[in-house]
Amino acid sequence: MRDGGDERLANLARYLFTAPPWYLTLAFAIALGSTVDLAAWVLRGDARFPGTLALSIPALVSTVLTLPLLNLVKAPFTWNRSALLASSCTLFSWMIILPSFFLAPIAFPIACAVALGLETGLRLLVLAAIADARVSRVALPALTQGLTGVIALSAIFPLPFTLFSVVALLTFGVAFRVLVWAIERPLLRTFRVSGFKFLNTLLAHLTDGSHDLEGFFRGFGERVEIPVAVIRIACEGGGEVVVAVPHVHPGPLGEVGGGTIPRRFQEAFEAFVLVPHGCATHDFNLVAREEIDALTTAVRTVLASSKLIPSASRSTRVKSGSVNLLVQWVGDALFVVGTRAPAKTEDLDFALGLTFLAEGRRVTSCLAFVDAHNSLNGDAGAVRPGTRIAGEYTTAVRQAVDYAPSLPRCPLEAGASRVFPPFGLMEGIGETGISVLALRCDGQTTAYVLIDGNNMAGGVRDAIRGAVLEYVDEAEIMTTDSHVVNTERSRNPVGMHLPASALVPFAVTAVKEAVAGLRPAHAGGQVAYAQDVTVFGPGKVGQLAGTVSALLSLLAPIAMMLIVIALLVLAILALIL
């Protein structure tokens, strides 16, 4: 039951790295040129500095010219990236030029021409991928390094070299333009969008925080109706708590789409808001942050008309196979939190959420089902309808609904607290920190601990829950599944890069504060339906991520094939000239 497509998009972040300072990479390029100068002097007595002319000077000139030329077409770039690109191409050229000293004398100028042509093709490909997908806009910056090398070497080589070098630049330029076309075709045919444009926008988001990626997603999104289970709790003396469970996925990564759902919900209401994870896979990622407004608007509508009652029930556990539910009446709403911990607890398909809502209608108008999303053990991926695990969830919910009417009602007390640990996105902790809702009924106190993060490393849930149970009678630990933490690290669950022991004190503090704030309360629930919310759509994220992954895997063999063809063309021309 692996569902790799749900994670591949965020996993593309593993291809990213930070460009080193420009002066370091340029020093490396100059050193490469010096080694060629040294080889020319030692092996052939050539003191004309061919390495400096073929490698170092072109690297320096292209570094200086690339950024302003790209700025003219408003393509994002930096000095560090410019120097890194020039030095990387210099390294490839060095690997071609240096061995030529051990061949016939004519091999050196031919190797220089081939190397300069290859530099031009590589620069065209890279600039199209990371700066601007429109090849016409990056063609001139791509030519700067190779063309500078041709001009510099013309001072020591005769005219035939210059002509052959220009042909090499054009040949490799055409070959790599064909490569760009080949990479573009799959996404253009499938999604009617540019593959390189996708890479441009993805890189801009991951490195610069740009949100242009949302425009790309909106181009193939689908409009759907999203249910949001809403529980409103009003405490005596003032103060409200709202538990909103939208059946959307808070991804795909960073602040793009639904990553900021927990924060945006809290900002939208004066009440204390918790937004645990509902039933949705990456198919139900929001395409843009603006779509969150449709969800909050729907919630605001039902809050205005909600009816509150002063009763609840004790919490109880219901189990079926590997599924463990914590079930409690909160007013007239049935609050259900599901986990498979210590087995892997992952995304539940949207269709299962609709099934649970339908089951709940037998006893209530509002069944708020939460996927606790709190254990990353094992191999199971997203839970799809018809699977064994889906059957266990459905059976457990059905049993909970059957049992719920027999739970005795009692007066309700409620309290809430939020603590912000001194950890950030790199450690897997989102912007709303650790939130706790404490409910007391008939002498039993239950704590619902919600950590803003994307799932939990194995064992973290048990460590936090064990510590919390010293202060309450029952508890469950949940995460928001916010993918705002998934940019620099594609896999960043709570507790993977931060020990559970570091989080426990803050969770305990939040629970103690929530318990200390318990007051008599009234509660009630309704299900809001947000209309025309644009999400990725069924199967789209797997199809998109699979296409991009396939392109990356095919890039090397296609490039090698085109390079070989270009070399054959140049070999024929060399014989003619």
Protein backbone atom coordinates (compact mmCIF):
# COMPACT_ATOMS: atom_id res chain seq x y z
CA MET A 1 0.00 0.00 0.00
CA ARG A 2 2.81 2.40 -0.74
CA ASP A 3 1.55 5.65 -2.19
CA GLY A 4 4.76 7.25 -3.36
CA GLY A 5 2.98 9.79 -5.53
CA ASP A 6 1.74 11.57 -2.42
CA GLU A 7 5.31 12.32 -1.34
CA ARG A 8 7.22 12.71 -4.61
CA LEU A 9 6.34 16.36 -5.08
CA ALA A 10 7.79 17.38 -1.72
CA ASN A 11 10.70 14.98 -2.28
CA LEU A 12 11.82 17.08 -5.24
CA ALA A 13 13.33 19.37 -2.62
CA ARG A 14 16.15 16.85 -2.19
CA TYR A 15 17.60 18.04 -5.50
CA LEU A 16 18.16 21.50 -4.06
CA PHE A 17 21.35 22.84 -2.54
CA THR A 18 22.70 26.24 -1.62
CA ALA A 19 25.15 27.78 -4.08
CA PRO A 20 28.51 28.50 -2.45
CA PRO A 21 29.90 32.08 -2.39
CA TRP A 22 30.81 33.34 -5.86
CA TYR A 23 34.45 34.04 -5.03
CA LEU A 24 35.05 30.42 -4.03
CA THR A 25 33.64 28.95 -7.23
CA LEU A 26 35.45 31.50 -9.38
CA ALA A 27 38.71 30.68 -7.61
CA PHE A 28 38.06 27.05 -8.50
CA ALA A 29 37.55 27.97 -12.20
CA ILE A 30 40.77 29.99 -12.26
CA ALA A 31 42.64 27.08 -10.67
CA LEU A 32 41.35 24.73 -13.37
CA GLY A 33 42.60 27.08 -16.07
CA SER A 34 46.00 27.27 -14.37
CA THR A 35 46.36 23.48 -14.39
CA VAL A 36 45.84 23.48 -18.16
CA ASP A 37 48.41 26.27 -18.52
CA LEU A 38 50.85 24.19 -16.50
CA ALA A 39 50.17 21.06 -18.57
CA ALA A 40 50.67 23.00 -21.80
CA TRP A 41 54.04 24.32 -20.58
CA VAL A 42 55.33 21.02 -19.19
CA LEU A 43 54.14 18.72 -21.98
CA ARG A 44 54.46 20.99 -25.03
CA GLY A 45 56.38 24.04 -24.01
CA ASP A 46 53.37 26.21 -24.84
CA ALA A 47 53.54 29.44 -22.81
CA ARG A 48 50.52 31.17 -24.40
CA PHE A 49 48.28 30.43 -21.37
CA PRO A 50 45.71 28.31 -23.30
CA GLY A 51 43.99 27.22 -20.07
CA THR A 52 43.44 30.78 -18.95
CA LEU A 53 42.07 31.70 -22.38
CA ALA A 54 39.86 28.61 -22.73
CA LEU A 55 38.64 28.24 -19.14
CA SER A 56 39.37 31.01 -16.65
CA ILE A 57 38.58 34.12 -18.70
CA PRO A 58 35.29 32.70 -20.11
CA ALA A 59 34.23 31.74 -16.58
CA LEU A 60 34.91 35.24 -15.26
CA VAL A 61 33.19 37.00 -18.18
CA SER A 62 30.10 34.77 -18.10
CA THR A 63 29.77 35.23 -14.34
CA VAL A 64 29.78 39.00 -14.76
CA LEU A 65 27.44 39.10 -17.77
CA THR A 66 24.87 36.40 -16.98
CA LEU A 67 23.12 38.17 -14.09
CA PRO A 68 22.55 41.56 -15.81
CA LEU A 69 21.46 39.85 -19.04
CA LEU A 70 18.89 37.78 -17.11
CA ASN A 71 17.78 40.86 -15.19
CA LEU A 72 16.94 42.50 -18.53
CA VAL A 73 14.27 39.81 -19.09
CA LYS A 74 13.27 39.84 -15.40
CA ALA A 75 14.53 36.29 -14.80
CA PRO A 76 15.53 35.66 -11.15
CA PHE A 77 19.19 34.83 -10.57
CA THR A 78 22.04 35.54 -8.15
CA TRP A 79 25.77 36.15 -8.33
CA ASN A 80 26.41 32.90 -6.48
CA ARG A 81 24.37 30.91 -8.99
CA SER A 82 26.03 32.65 -11.89
CA ALA A 83 29.50 31.80 -10.61
CA LEU A 84 28.51 28.23 -9.79
CA LEU A 85 27.10 27.65 -13.27
CA ALA A 86 30.22 29.08 -14.92
CA SER A 87 32.55 27.03 -12.73
CA SER A 88 30.57 23.83 -13.24
CA CYS A 89 30.77 24.24 -17.01
CA THR A 90 34.47 24.99 -16.64
CA LEU A 91 34.93 21.68 -14.86
CA PHE A 92 33.27 19.77 -17.72
CA SER A 93 35.47 21.58 -20.24
CA TRP A 94 38.59 20.86 -18.18
CA MET A 95 37.74 17.15 -18.24
CA ILE A 96 37.64 17.29 -22.05
CA ILE A 97 40.64 19.59 -22.67
CA LEU A 98 43.27 18.23 -20.28
CA PRO A 99 43.44 14.68 -21.73
CA SER A 100 43.96 16.13 -25.23
CA PHE A 101 47.58 16.98 -24.34
CA PHE A 102 48.37 13.28 -24.44
CA LEU A 103 47.11 12.98 -28.04
CA ALA A 104 48.19 14.54 -31.33
CA PRO A 105 48.74 18.33 -31.35
CA ILE A 106 45.59 18.87 -33.42
CA ALA A 107 43.54 17.29 -30.62
CA PHE A 108 43.91 20.29 -28.30
CA PRO A 109 42.12 22.94 -30.44
CA ILE A 110 39.43 20.41 -31.38
CA ALA A 111 38.92 19.56 -27.71
CA CYS A 112 38.65 23.28 -26.89
CA ALA A 113 35.99 23.78 -29.57
CA VAL A 114 33.98 20.76 -28.37
CA ALA A 115 34.27 21.88 -24.73
CA LEU A 116 33.07 25.41 -25.50
CA GLY A 117 30.13 24.00 -27.47
CA LEU A 118 29.20 21.67 -24.62
CA GLU A 119 29.36 24.59 -22.18
CA THR A 120 26.87 26.49 -24.31
CA GLY A 121 24.43 23.58 -24.43
CA LEU A 122 24.67 22.90 -20.70
CA ARG A 123 24.16 26.56 -19.85
CA LEU A 124 21.09 26.70 -22.10
CA LEU A 125 19.56 23.70 -20.34
CA VAL A 126 20.32 24.89 -16.82
CA LEU A 127 19.19 28.48 -17.38
CA ALA A 128 15.94 27.28 -18.95
CA ALA A 129 15.32 25.12 -15.88
CA ILE A 130 16.22 27.55 -13.10
CA ALA A 131 15.85 31.05 -14.56
CA ASP A 132 13.34 31.31 -17.43
CA ALA A 133 11.66 28.50 -19.37
CA ARG A 134 11.57 30.64 -22.53
CA VAL A 135 14.70 29.58 -24.39
CA SER A 136 14.79 32.78 -26.44
CA ARG A 137 15.30 34.77 -23.24
CA VAL A 138 18.21 32.69 -21.94
CA ALA A 139 19.98 32.03 -25.26
CA LEU A 140 22.25 35.08 -25.02
CA PRO A 141 23.27 34.47 -21.37
CA ALA A 142 23.91 30.83 -22.31
CA LEU A 143 26.28 31.90 -25.10
CA THR A 144 28.46 34.18 -22.97
CA GLN A 145 30.92 31.56 -21.75
CA GLY A 146 31.44 29.65 -24.98
CA LEU A 147 31.55 32.75 -27.15
CA THR A 148 34.10 34.41 -24.87
CA GLY A 149 36.26 31.30 -25.11
CA VAL A 150 36.11 31.33 -28.91
CA ILE A 151 37.13 35.00 -29.04
CA ALA A 152 39.96 34.51 -26.53
CA LEU A 153 41.39 31.42 -28.24
CA SER A 154 41.23 33.10 -31.65
CA ALA A 155 44.31 35.03 -30.51
CA ILE A 156 46.44 31.86 -30.55
CA PHE A 157 44.64 29.59 -33.03
CA PRO A 158 44.09 30.17 -36.78
CA LEU A 159 40.82 31.02 -38.53
CA PRO A 160 39.70 27.39 -39.13
CA PHE A 161 39.55 26.93 -35.36
CA THR A 162 37.31 29.96 -35.00
CA LEU A 163 34.93 28.70 -37.69
CA PHE A 164 34.89 25.20 -36.25
CA SER A 165 34.25 26.57 -32.75
CA VAL A 166 31.31 28.67 -33.90
CA VAL A 167 29.83 25.59 -35.59
CA ALA A 168 30.36 23.67 -32.32
CA LEU A 169 28.49 26.34 -30.35
CA LEU A 170 25.58 26.19 -32.77
CA THR A 171 25.55 22.38 -32.94
CA PHE A 172 25.46 21.89 -29.18
CA GLY A 173 23.00 24.77 -28.81
CA VAL A 174 20.60 23.07 -31.24
CA ALA A 175 21.13 19.67 -29.56
CA PHE A 176 20.28 21.00 -26.13
CA ARG A 177 17.35 22.99 -27.50
CA VAL A 178 16.00 19.65 -28.73
CA LEU A 179 16.61 18.26 -25.22
CA VAL A 180 14.56 21.09 -23.71
CA TRP A 181 11.76 20.32 -26.18
CA ALA A 182 11.87 16.61 -25.26
CA ILE A 183 11.61 17.42 -21.57
CA GLU A 184 8.74 19.84 -22.15
CA ARG A 185 6.52 17.48 -24.13
CA PRO A 186 5.19 15.14 -21.38
CA LEU A 187 3.86 17.90 -19.12
CA LEU A 188 2.58 19.91 -22.08
CA ARG A 189 0.62 16.92 -23.35
CA THR A 190 -0.67 15.86 -19.92
CA PHE A 191 -1.27 19.16 -18.12
CA ARG A 192 -0.98 21.70 -20.96
CA VAL A 193 1.74 23.53 -19.04
CA SER A 194 5.49 23.94 -19.49
CA GLY A 195 7.68 21.49 -17.61
CA PHE A 196 10.48 24.03 -17.37
CA LYS A 197 8.03 26.64 -16.17
CA PHE A 198 7.09 24.22 -13.40
CA LEU A 199 10.77 23.81 -12.47
CA ASN A 200 11.23 27.61 -12.52
CA THR A 201 8.32 28.19 -10.17
CA LEU A 202 9.15 25.25 -7.89
CA LEU A 203 12.72 26.48 -7.46
CA ALA A 204 11.55 30.06 -6.93
CA HIS A 205 9.26 28.90 -4.14
CA LEU A 206 11.75 26.62 -2.41
CA THR A 207 14.63 29.09 -2.56
CA ASP A 208 13.00 32.53 -2.61
CA GLY A 209 9.51 31.96 -1.15
CA SER A 210 7.72 32.88 -4.38
CA HIS A 211 4.09 31.82 -4.67
CA ASP A 212 3.96 31.68 -8.48
CA LEU A 213 3.73 27.89 -8.14
CA GLU A 214 0.10 28.35 -7.14
CA GLY A 215 -0.71 29.71 -10.59
CA PHE A 216 0.76 26.55 -12.08
CA PHE A 217 -1.41 24.33 -9.86
CA ARG A 218 -4.52 26.38 -10.51
CA GLY A 219 -4.09 25.66 -14.21
CA PHE A 220 -5.11 22.02 -13.77
CA GLY A 221 -7.10 22.13 -10.50
CA GLU A 222 -10.69 20.95 -10.06
CA ARG A 223 -13.52 22.64 -8.18
CA VAL A 224 -15.13 20.55 -5.45
CA GLU A 225 -17.35 20.83 -2.41
CA ILE A 226 -15.46 20.42 0.88
CA PRO A 227 -17.15 19.40 4.16
CA VAL A 228 -15.81 21.03 7.32
CA ALA A 229 -16.94 19.58 10.65
CA VAL A 230 -17.17 22.41 13.18
CA ILE A 231 -17.45 22.11 16.97
CA ARG A 232 -18.06 25.33 18.86
CA ILE A 233 -17.46 25.52 22.62
CA ALA A 234 -18.51 28.61 24.57
CA CYS A 235 -17.15 28.91 28.11
CA GLU A 236 -18.95 30.74 30.90
CA GLY A 237 -17.44 34.13 31.59
CA GLY A 238 -16.36 34.55 27.95
CA GLY A 239 -14.05 32.83 25.59
CA GLU A 240 -14.77 30.39 22.80
CA VAL A 241 -12.99 27.40 21.32
CA VAL A 242 -13.59 26.26 17.75
CA VAL A 243 -12.50 22.86 16.47
CA ALA A 244 -12.62 22.89 12.65
CA VAL A 245 -11.91 19.69 10.73
CA PRO A 246 -11.75 20.45 6.99
CA HIS A 247 -11.47 17.45 4.68
CA VAL A 248 -8.65 18.96 2.63
CA HIS A 249 -4.94 18.27 2.65
CA PRO A 250 -2.67 21.02 4.06
CA GLY A 251 -0.04 20.69 1.32
CA PRO A 252 1.66 20.29 -1.08
CA LEU A 253 4.71 22.01 0.42
CA GLY A 254 5.73 25.16 2.22
CA GLU A 255 3.20 27.98 2.17
CA VAL A 256 1.88 26.96 -1.25
CA GLY A 257 -1.73 25.80 -1.23
CA GLY A 258 -2.99 24.70 2.16
CA GLY A 259 0.26 24.71 4.12
CA THR A 260 -0.81 27.69 6.23
CA ILE A 261 -4.31 26.42 7.09
CA PRO A 262 -3.70 26.30 10.88
CA ARG A 263 -2.42 29.87 10.99
CA ARG A 264 -4.96 31.29 8.54
CA PHE A 265 -7.87 29.73 10.46
CA GLN A 266 -6.64 31.20 13.73
CA GLU A 267 -6.24 34.63 12.13
CA ALA A 268 -9.77 34.46 10.71
CA PHE A 269 -11.54 34.10 14.08
CA GLU A 270 -11.41 35.73 17.50
CA ALA A 271 -12.00 32.35 19.14
CA PHE A 272 -9.25 29.89 20.02
CA VAL A 273 -9.07 27.64 16.94
CA LEU A 274 -7.76 24.11 16.48
CA VAL A 275 -7.55 22.65 12.97
CA PRO A 276 -6.67 18.96 13.15
CA HIS A 277 -6.28 16.84 10.02
CA GLY A 278 -9.41 15.52 8.32
CA CYS A 279 -9.73 12.82 5.68
CA ALA A 280 -7.83 13.89 2.56
CA THR A 281 -4.74 12.86 0.61
CA HIS A 282 -2.57 15.04 -1.63
CA ASP A 283 -5.32 14.78 -4.25
CA PHE A 284 -7.14 17.36 -2.12
CA ASN A 285 -4.32 19.84 -1.75
CA LEU A 286 -5.58 23.38 -2.19
CA VAL A 287 -4.10 24.93 -5.32
CA ALA A 288 -3.60 28.33 -3.67
CA ARG A 289 -3.69 30.03 -0.28
CA GLU A 290 -6.74 32.05 -1.30
CA GLU A 291 -8.80 28.85 -1.30
CA ILE A 292 -8.51 28.78 2.50
CA ASP A 293 -10.84 31.79 2.60
CA ALA A 294 -13.67 29.66 1.18
CA LEU A 295 -13.23 27.24 4.09
CA THR A 296 -13.19 29.94 6.78
CA THR A 297 -16.23 31.62 5.23
CA ALA A 298 -18.18 28.37 5.41
CA VAL A 299 -17.13 27.88 9.04
CA ARG A 300 -18.15 31.43 9.93
CA THR A 301 -21.62 30.81 8.49
CA VAL A 302 -22.34 27.78 10.66
CA LEU A 303 -20.87 29.39 13.77
CA ALA A 304 -23.40 32.16 13.50
CA SER A 305 -26.29 29.66 13.58
CA SER A 306 -24.94 26.98 15.88
CA LYS A 307 -27.02 25.79 18.84
CA LEU A 308 -25.17 25.06 22.06
CA ILE A 309 -26.06 22.70 24.90
CA PRO A 310 -24.36 22.40 28.32
CA SER A 311 -23.65 18.68 28.19
CA ALA A 312 -21.13 16.19 26.89
CA SER A 313 -19.98 12.66 27.69
CA ARG A 314 -16.92 10.94 29.01
CA SER A 315 -14.41 9.92 26.37
CA THR A 316 -14.05 6.26 25.49
CA ARG A 317 -11.93 4.04 23.25
CA VAL A 318 -13.23 1.95 20.35
CA LYS A 319 -10.88 -0.46 18.53
CA SER A 320 -11.05 -2.47 15.33
CA GLY A 321 -7.94 -4.29 14.15
CA SER A 322 -5.09 -1.80 14.14
CA VAL A 323 -7.39 1.23 14.41
CA ASN A 324 -7.90 2.95 17.75
CA LEU A 325 -10.56 5.67 18.14
CA LEU A 326 -11.06 8.14 20.97
CA VAL A 327 -14.78 9.01 20.98
CA GLN A 328 -16.60 11.72 22.95
CA TRP A 329 -19.82 13.67 22.73
CA VAL A 330 -19.14 17.42 22.78
CA GLY A 331 -22.55 19.03 22.93
CA ASP A 332 -24.55 17.38 20.14
CA ALA A 333 -21.40 16.71 18.06
CA LEU A 334 -19.60 13.37 18.11
CA PHE A 335 -15.84 14.00 18.28
CA VAL A 336 -13.82 11.04 16.95
CA VAL A 337 -10.02 10.92 16.78
CA GLY A 338 -8.47 7.96 14.94
CA THR A 339 -4.95 6.54 15.02
CA ARG A 340 -3.12 3.33 14.21
CA ALA A 341 -0.12 4.08 16.41
CA PRO A 342 2.29 2.41 16.84
CA ALA A 343 1.50 1.26 13.26
CA LYS A 344 1.77 3.92 10.56
CA THR A 345 -1.01 6.48 10.63
CA GLU A 346 -1.22 8.26 7.28
CA ASP A 347 -3.66 10.21 5.11
CA LEU A 348 -7.17 8.80 4.77
CA ASP A 349 -8.86 9.14 1.41
CA PHE A 350 -11.50 11.84 1.01
CA ALA A 351 -14.11 9.20 0.21
CA LEU A 352 -13.61 7.66 3.65
CA GLY A 353 -14.38 11.02 5.23
CA LEU A 354 -17.69 11.12 3.38
CA THR A 355 -18.39 7.56 4.55
CA PHE A 356 -17.76 8.52 8.17
CA LEU A 357 -20.03 11.56 7.89
CA ALA A 358 -22.77 9.34 6.48
CA GLU A 359 -22.34 6.84 9.33
CA GLY A 360 -22.55 9.65 11.85
CA ARG A 361 -25.87 10.93 10.52
CA ARG A 362 -27.57 7.96 12.17
CA VAL A 363 -27.05 9.67 15.55
CA THR A 364 -25.93 13.26 14.94
CA SER A 365 -25.77 16.01 12.36
CA CYS A 366 -22.07 16.49 13.08
CA LEU A 367 -19.50 13.72 13.31
CA ALA A 368 -16.08 15.38 13.47
CA PHE A 369 -13.59 12.71 12.46
CA VAL A 370 -9.91 13.53 12.94
CA ASP A 371 -7.04 11.60 11.42
CA ALA A 372 -4.57 11.98 14.29
CA HIS A 373 -1.72 11.61 11.78
CA ASN A 374 0.68 10.76 14.56
CA SER A 375 2.84 7.77 13.62
CA LEU A 376 5.21 7.36 10.69
CA ASN A 377 6.14 3.72 11.31
CA GLY A 378 5.82 0.97 8.73
CA ASP A 379 5.25 0.90 4.99
CA ALA A 380 1.54 1.71 4.62
CA GLY A 381 0.86 4.86 2.61
CA ALA A 382 -2.38 6.75 2.13
CA VAL A 383 -5.42 4.67 3.07
CA ARG A 384 -7.67 4.11 0.07
CA PRO A 385 -11.24 2.73 0.05
CA GLY A 386 -11.52 -1.02 -0.29
CA THR A 387 -8.26 -1.82 1.50
CA ARG A 388 -7.97 -3.79 4.72
CA ILE A 389 -7.00 -0.73 6.76
CA ALA A 390 -9.88 1.28 5.30
CA GLY A 391 -12.19 -1.53 6.39
CA GLU A 392 -10.80 -1.36 9.92
CA TYR A 393 -11.42 2.40 10.08
CA THR A 394 -14.94 2.03 8.74
CA THR A 395 -15.77 -0.77 11.17
CA ALA A 396 -14.39 1.22 14.11
CA VAL A 397 -16.41 4.33 13.17
CA ARG A 398 -19.55 2.23 12.74
CA GLN A 399 -19.05 0.69 16.18
CA ALA A 400 -18.44 4.14 17.70
CA VAL A 401 -21.67 5.49 16.16
CA ASP A 402 -23.60 2.44 17.39
CA TYR A 403 -22.20 2.86 20.91
CA ALA A 404 -22.45 6.66 21.13
CA PRO A 405 -26.17 6.93 22.08
CA SER A 406 -25.54 4.87 25.20
CA LEU A 407 -22.85 7.22 26.53
CA PRO A 408 -24.27 9.07 29.58
CA ARG A 409 -24.49 12.87 29.28
CA CYS A 410 -23.06 15.14 31.94
CA PRO A 411 -22.22 18.82 32.43
CA LEU A 412 -19.24 20.00 30.39
CA GLU A 413 -16.19 21.99 31.41
CA ALA A 414 -13.67 23.18 28.84
CA GLY A 415 -10.31 24.90 28.72
CA ALA A 416 -7.72 25.59 26.05
CA SER A 417 -4.11 26.65 25.86
CA ARG A 418 -1.40 27.20 23.27
CA VAL A 419 2.37 27.06 23.80
CA PHE A 420 5.02 28.04 21.26
CA PRO A 421 8.13 25.89 21.68
CA PRO A 422 11.47 27.49 20.73
CA PHE A 423 11.69 25.35 17.60
CA GLY A 424 10.95 26.19 13.99
CA LEU A 425 10.11 24.73 10.62
CA MET A 426 13.47 22.99 10.29
CA GLU A 427 12.65 20.99 13.43
CA GLY A 428 9.19 20.14 12.09
CA ILE A 429 7.17 22.55 14.25
CA GLY A 430 4.72 24.85 12.48
CA GLU A 431 3.56 28.35 13.24
CA THR A 432 0.78 27.55 15.73
CA GLY A 433 2.96 25.47 18.03
CA ILE A 434 1.24 23.12 20.48
CA SER A 435 -2.47 23.62 21.14
CA VAL A 436 -4.51 21.78 23.77
CA LEU A 437 -8.26 21.40 24.29
CA ALA A 438 -9.13 20.00 27.72
CA LEU A 439 -12.65 18.66 28.37
CA ARG A 440 -13.96 17.49 31.74
CA CYS A 441 -17.15 15.50 32.15
CA ASP A 442 -18.33 13.37 35.08
CA GLY A 443 -14.96 13.72 36.79
CA GLN A 444 -12.96 12.57 33.74
CA THR A 445 -10.55 14.99 32.09
CA THR A 446 -9.54 14.40 28.47
CA ALA A 447 -6.78 16.34 26.70
CA TYR A 448 -6.63 16.72 22.94
CA VAL A 449 -3.07 17.80 22.11
CA LEU A 450 -2.57 19.22 18.61
CA ILE A 451 0.96 19.85 17.33
CA ASP A 452 1.36 21.93 14.19
CA GLY A 453 3.48 19.59 12.08
CA ASN A 454 3.47 16.90 9.42
CA ASN A 455 3.00 13.54 11.17
CA MET A 456 5.21 12.17 13.96
CA ALA A 457 8.22 9.95 14.08
CA GLY A 458 7.55 6.54 15.59
CA GLY A 459 7.29 6.57 19.38
CA VAL A 460 6.89 10.33 19.78
CA ARG A 461 3.13 10.09 20.24
CA ASP A 462 3.53 7.55 23.03
CA ALA A 463 6.24 9.58 24.78
CA ILE A 464 4.14 12.75 24.83
CA ARG A 465 0.93 10.94 25.69
CA GLY A 466 2.60 9.10 28.56
CA ALA A 467 3.81 12.37 30.07
CA VAL A 468 0.45 14.09 29.59
CA LEU A 469 -1.49 11.26 31.25
CA GLU A 470 0.08 12.19 34.58
CA TYR A 471 -2.19 15.25 34.57
CA VAL A 472 -5.35 14.02 32.81
CA ASP A 473 -7.33 10.78 32.61
CA GLU A 474 -7.31 10.33 28.83
CA ALA A 475 -5.47 11.96 25.96
CA GLU A 476 -4.67 11.78 22.28
CA ILE A 477 -1.84 13.46 20.40
CA MET A 478 -2.59 14.83 16.94
CA THR A 479 -0.82 16.80 14.21
CA THR A 480 -2.23 19.30 11.74
CA ASP A 481 -0.30 17.60 8.88
CA SER A 482 0.76 21.08 7.78
CA HIS A 483 3.29 20.84 4.95
CA VAL A 484 4.63 24.29 5.75
CA VAL A 485 7.54 22.40 7.34
CA ASN A 486 8.36 20.57 4.10
CA THR A 487 10.63 22.80 2.06
CA GLU A 488 14.28 22.40 2.98
CA ARG A 489 13.45 18.94 4.29
CA SER A 490 11.05 16.85 2.23
CA ARG A 491 10.46 14.45 5.12
CA ASN A 492 10.17 16.34 8.37
CA PRO A 493 7.78 14.75 10.88
CA VAL A 494 7.63 15.91 14.47
CA GLY A 495 10.38 14.16 16.39
CA MET A 496 12.57 13.12 13.45
CA HIS A 497 14.96 16.06 13.81
CA LEU A 498 14.02 16.86 17.38
CA PRO A 499 13.91 14.37 20.30
CA ALA A 500 10.56 13.74 21.94
CA SER A 501 12.11 14.69 25.27
CA ALA A 502 12.53 18.25 23.95
CA LEU A 503 8.80 18.53 23.19
CA VAL A 504 7.38 16.83 26.27
CA PRO A 505 7.85 19.78 28.68
CA PHE A 506 6.00 22.15 26.35
CA ALA A 507 3.14 19.70 25.78
CA VAL A 508 2.84 19.17 29.52
CA THR A 509 2.83 22.93 30.12
CA ALA A 510 0.05 23.42 27.56
CA VAL A 511 -2.02 20.63 29.12
CA LYS A 512 -1.59 22.00 32.64
CA GLU A 513 -2.62 25.48 31.49
CA ALA A 514 -5.69 24.11 29.68
CA VAL A 515 -6.73 22.09 32.74
CA ALA A 516 -6.20 25.10 35.00
CA GLY A 517 -8.53 27.08 32.74
CA LEU A 518 -11.42 24.60 32.83
CA ARG A 519 -14.80 26.35 33.11
CA PRO A 520 -18.42 25.33 32.60
CA ALA A 521 -19.23 25.40 28.92
CA HIS A 522 -21.87 24.89 26.26
CA ALA A 523 -21.08 23.15 23.00
CA GLY A 524 -22.56 22.16 19.66
CA GLY A 525 -21.54 21.17 16.20
CA GLN A 526 -22.49 21.42 12.55
CA VAL A 527 -20.99 20.44 9.22
CA ALA A 528 -20.24 23.34 6.90
CA TYR A 529 -19.89 22.82 3.16
CA ALA A 530 -17.46 25.09 1.33
CA GLN A 531 -18.45 25.46 -2.32
CA ASP A 532 -16.20 25.70 -5.37
CA VAL A 533 -12.94 25.03 -3.57
CA THR A 534 -10.19 24.34 -6.12
CA VAL A 535 -8.00 21.36 -5.29
CA PHE A 536 -5.50 19.31 -7.27
CA GLY A 537 -8.07 16.66 -8.14
CA PRO A 538 -8.06 12.85 -7.94
CA GLY A 539 -4.80 11.31 -9.09
CA LYS A 540 -3.29 14.61 -10.24
CA VAL A 541 -0.47 14.84 -7.70
CA GLY A 542 0.71 11.31 -8.38
CA GLN A 543 0.52 11.91 -12.12
CA LEU A 544 2.37 15.22 -11.84
CA ALA A 545 5.07 13.93 -9.50
CA GLY A 546 5.47 10.75 -11.51
CA THR A 547 5.90 12.72 -14.73
CA VAL A 548 8.52 15.01 -13.19
CA SER A 549 10.37 12.08 -11.61
CA ALA A 550 10.38 10.24 -14.95
CA LEU A 551 11.74 13.33 -16.67
CA LEU A 552 14.57 13.57 -14.17
CA SER A 553 15.43 9.90 -14.62
CA LEU A 554 15.43 10.19 -18.43
CA LEU A 555 17.36 13.44 -18.54
CA ALA A 556 20.82 11.84 -18.48
CA PRO A 557 20.29 9.20 -21.22
CA ILE A 558 18.53 11.63 -23.56
CA ALA A 559 21.26 14.21 -23.01
CA MET A 560 23.99 11.63 -23.70
CA MET A 561 22.29 10.57 -26.91
CA LEU A 562 22.09 14.16 -28.16
CA ILE A 563 25.69 14.86 -27.16
CA VAL A 564 26.87 11.81 -29.11
CA ILE A 565 24.92 12.98 -32.16
CA ALA A 566 26.48 16.45 -31.84
CA LEU A 567 29.96 14.94 -31.57
CA LEU A 568 29.41 12.85 -34.69
CA VAL A 569 28.33 15.95 -36.60
CA LEU A 570 31.42 17.82 -35.42
CA ALA A 571 33.69 14.87 -36.27
CA ILE A 572 32.43 14.92 -39.84
CA LEU A 573 32.95 18.68 -40.06
CA ALA A 574 36.47 18.35 -38.60
CA LEU A 575 37.39 15.90 -41.36
CA ILE A 576 36.02 18.24 -43.98
CA LEU A 577 37.80 21.29 -42.58
